[in-house]
Protein backbone atom coordinates (compact mmCIF):
# COMPACT_ATOMS: atom_id res chain seq x y z
CA MET A 1 -0.73 -0.49 0.10
CA ALA A 2 2.57 2.31 0.71
CA VAL A 3 3.91 1.90 -3.00
CA VAL A 4 1.25 2.51 -3.76
CA PHE A 5 0.88 5.26 -2.73
CA TRP A 6 4.72 7.01 -2.97
CA LEU A 7 4.11 6.28 -6.43
CA LEU A 8 0.66 8.43 -6.57
CA LEU A 9 2.27 11.18 -4.95
CA SER A 10 5.02 10.87 -7.38
CA ALA A 11 2.93 10.85 -10.07
CA VAL A 12 0.98 14.27 -9.10
CA ALA A 13 4.10 15.22 -8.27
CA LEU A 14 5.57 14.75 -12.01
CA ILE A 15 2.37 16.45 -13.50
CA VAL A 16 2.88 19.89 -10.79
CA ARG A 17 6.24 20.32 -12.13
CA SER A 18 5.65 19.38 -16.20
CA GLY A 19 2.82 21.58 -15.83
CA THR A 20 3.47 25.18 -18.19
CA VAL A 21 1.25 28.05 -17.44
CA CYS A 22 -0.28 30.34 -20.51
CA PRO A 23 -2.41 33.20 -19.26
CA ARG A 24 -4.55 34.71 -21.17
CA PRO A 25 -3.36 38.01 -24.12
CA GLU A 26 -6.54 39.69 -22.55
CA TYR A 27 -5.35 38.42 -18.30
CA PRO A 28 -4.32 42.07 -18.04
CA GLN A 29 -7.91 43.61 -18.87
CA MET A 30 -9.65 40.75 -16.73
CA VAL A 31 -7.49 41.54 -13.72
CA ALA A 32 -8.64 44.67 -14.03
CA ALA A 33 -12.57 44.02 -14.72
CA ALA A 34 -12.45 42.44 -11.58
CA GLU A 35 -10.84 44.51 -9.58
CA ARG A 36 -12.96 47.74 -10.53
CA PHE A 37 -15.72 45.33 -9.95
CA GLU A 38 -15.14 44.83 -6.16
CA ALA A 39 -14.23 48.77 -6.30
CA ALA A 40 -17.92 49.72 -7.25
CA VAL A 41 -18.83 46.87 -5.02
CA ALA A 42 -17.15 48.38 -1.64
CA ALA A 43 -18.35 51.75 -2.42
CA LEU A 44 -22.10 50.59 -2.83
CA ARG A 45 -21.19 47.82 0.56
CA GLU A 46 -20.10 51.84 2.33
CA ARG A 47 -23.64 53.13 0.60
CA ARG A 48 -25.83 50.53 1.87
CA ALA A 49 -24.39 50.73 5.39
CA GLU A 50 -25.17 54.71 5.96
CA LEU A 51 -28.42 53.80 4.86
CA GLY A 52 -29.42 51.61 6.74
CA LEU A 53 -29.79 49.24 4.23
CA PRO A 54 -30.12 44.95 4.39
CA LEU A 55 -28.72 42.81 2.46
CA ASP A 56 -30.64 39.83 1.65
CA GLY A 57 -30.49 36.99 3.36
CA GLU A 58 -29.19 35.47 0.02
CA ASP A 59 -27.11 37.65 -1.01
CA ARG A 60 -24.45 35.23 1.08
CA LEU A 61 -21.65 37.38 -0.17
CA GLY A 62 -22.78 39.86 0.90
CA VAL A 63 -22.57 42.43 -2.22
CA GLY A 64 -25.66 44.37 -2.20
CA LEU A 65 -26.73 42.49 -5.76
CA ILE A 66 -29.03 40.95 -4.50
CA GLY A 67 -32.68 42.38 -4.66
CA ALA A 68 -36.40 42.29 -3.43
CA GLU A 69 -37.70 38.62 -4.27
CA LEU A 70 -40.94 40.82 -5.68
CA THR A 71 -40.62 44.24 -7.27
CA PRO A 72 -42.24 45.81 -10.40
CA ILE A 73 -38.02 45.42 -11.67
CA THR A 74 -37.81 41.82 -9.74
CA THR A 75 -39.03 38.34 -10.24
CA THR A 76 -38.59 35.32 -8.28
CA LEU A 77 -37.47 33.81 -11.84
CA GLY A 78 -33.51 33.84 -11.13
CA HIS A 79 -32.26 31.12 -8.67
CA ALA A 80 -30.55 32.01 -6.18
CA PRO A 81 -27.08 30.75 -6.43
CA ALA A 82 -27.09 32.19 -10.04
CA LYS A 83 -27.30 35.62 -9.33
CA ARG A 84 -24.13 35.10 -6.27
CA THR A 85 -22.36 33.97 -9.21
CA ALA A 86 -23.70 37.34 -11.40
CA GLN A 87 -22.55 39.17 -9.13
CA THR A 88 -19.01 38.06 -7.82
CA SER A 89 -15.78 39.39 -9.74
CA ASP A 90 -14.55 36.42 -12.01
CA MET A 91 -17.31 36.93 -13.97
CA ALA A 92 -16.19 40.78 -14.15
CA ALA A 93 -12.85 38.88 -15.58
CA LEU A 94 -14.72 36.08 -17.36
CA CYS A 95 -17.16 39.05 -19.57
CA VAL A 96 -13.51 40.59 -20.99
CA ARG A 97 -12.49 37.66 -22.06
CA LEU A 98 -16.01 36.30 -23.52
CA LEU A 99 -16.49 39.93 -25.25
CA SER A 100 -12.14 39.40 -26.75
CA GLU A 101 -12.96 35.76 -27.75
CA ALA A 102 -16.45 37.34 -30.23
CA GLY A 103 -13.96 39.90 -30.98
CA ILE A 104 -15.20 43.47 -29.78
CA GLY A 105 -13.19 46.14 -30.40
CA PRO A 106 -13.78 49.84 -29.74
CA GLY A 107 -16.77 51.77 -30.79
CA ASP A 108 -18.72 48.45 -31.12
CA ARG A 109 -22.15 47.56 -30.38
CA VAL A 110 -22.81 45.19 -28.12
CA GLY A 111 -26.08 44.53 -27.04
CA ALA A 112 -27.37 42.93 -23.77
CA CYS A 113 -30.75 41.20 -22.18
CA MET A 114 -30.66 40.45 -18.60
CA SER A 115 -33.86 40.14 -16.17
CA GLY A 116 -33.76 42.13 -13.31
CA SER A 117 -33.32 39.51 -10.92
CA PHE A 118 -30.27 39.46 -12.00
CA PRO A 119 -28.75 43.55 -11.03
CA GLY A 120 -25.48 42.10 -10.44
CA GLN A 121 -25.00 41.36 -13.45
CA ARG A 122 -25.70 44.64 -15.34
CA GLU A 123 -22.41 46.10 -12.59
CA VAL A 124 -19.96 42.74 -13.92
CA LEU A 125 -21.55 43.95 -17.74
CA SER A 126 -20.65 47.52 -17.57
CA ARG A 127 -16.78 47.32 -15.25
CA ALA A 128 -15.78 44.40 -18.52
CA ARG A 129 -16.79 47.17 -21.56
CA LEU A 130 -15.20 49.83 -19.96
CA PHE A 131 -11.70 47.81 -21.09
CA PHE A 132 -13.60 47.78 -24.47
CA ARG A 133 -15.23 50.90 -24.89
CA CYS A 134 -18.02 49.83 -26.75
CA VAL A 135 -21.08 52.08 -26.58
């Protein structure tokens, strides 16, 4: 049993050591979009605290971009884990990557249709589009 363990451990070490990292060409913009999103979230968090506005119970990340379950502009259709995913800095980075892969360039028009149940997604996309100067 010990021999199998050491063989597996050696194999994992070999794989880790031989791996190569190939950063994406848009990686700096992805990081910057994520950082801008985090800065926007920090400002939102501060303002919510000043106004004494509580976070929604589903907002486990404490971002403040999951609103009330049912209002004139939101519905219950959005699945809570999907809403949480849509309001992360990783999603801002992903939007940059996807826009880049789509060949979006300065001045290009980009359309986005999203539910009122995902206010975080609008903010994420707005941070990403800044790097492309999209209309």
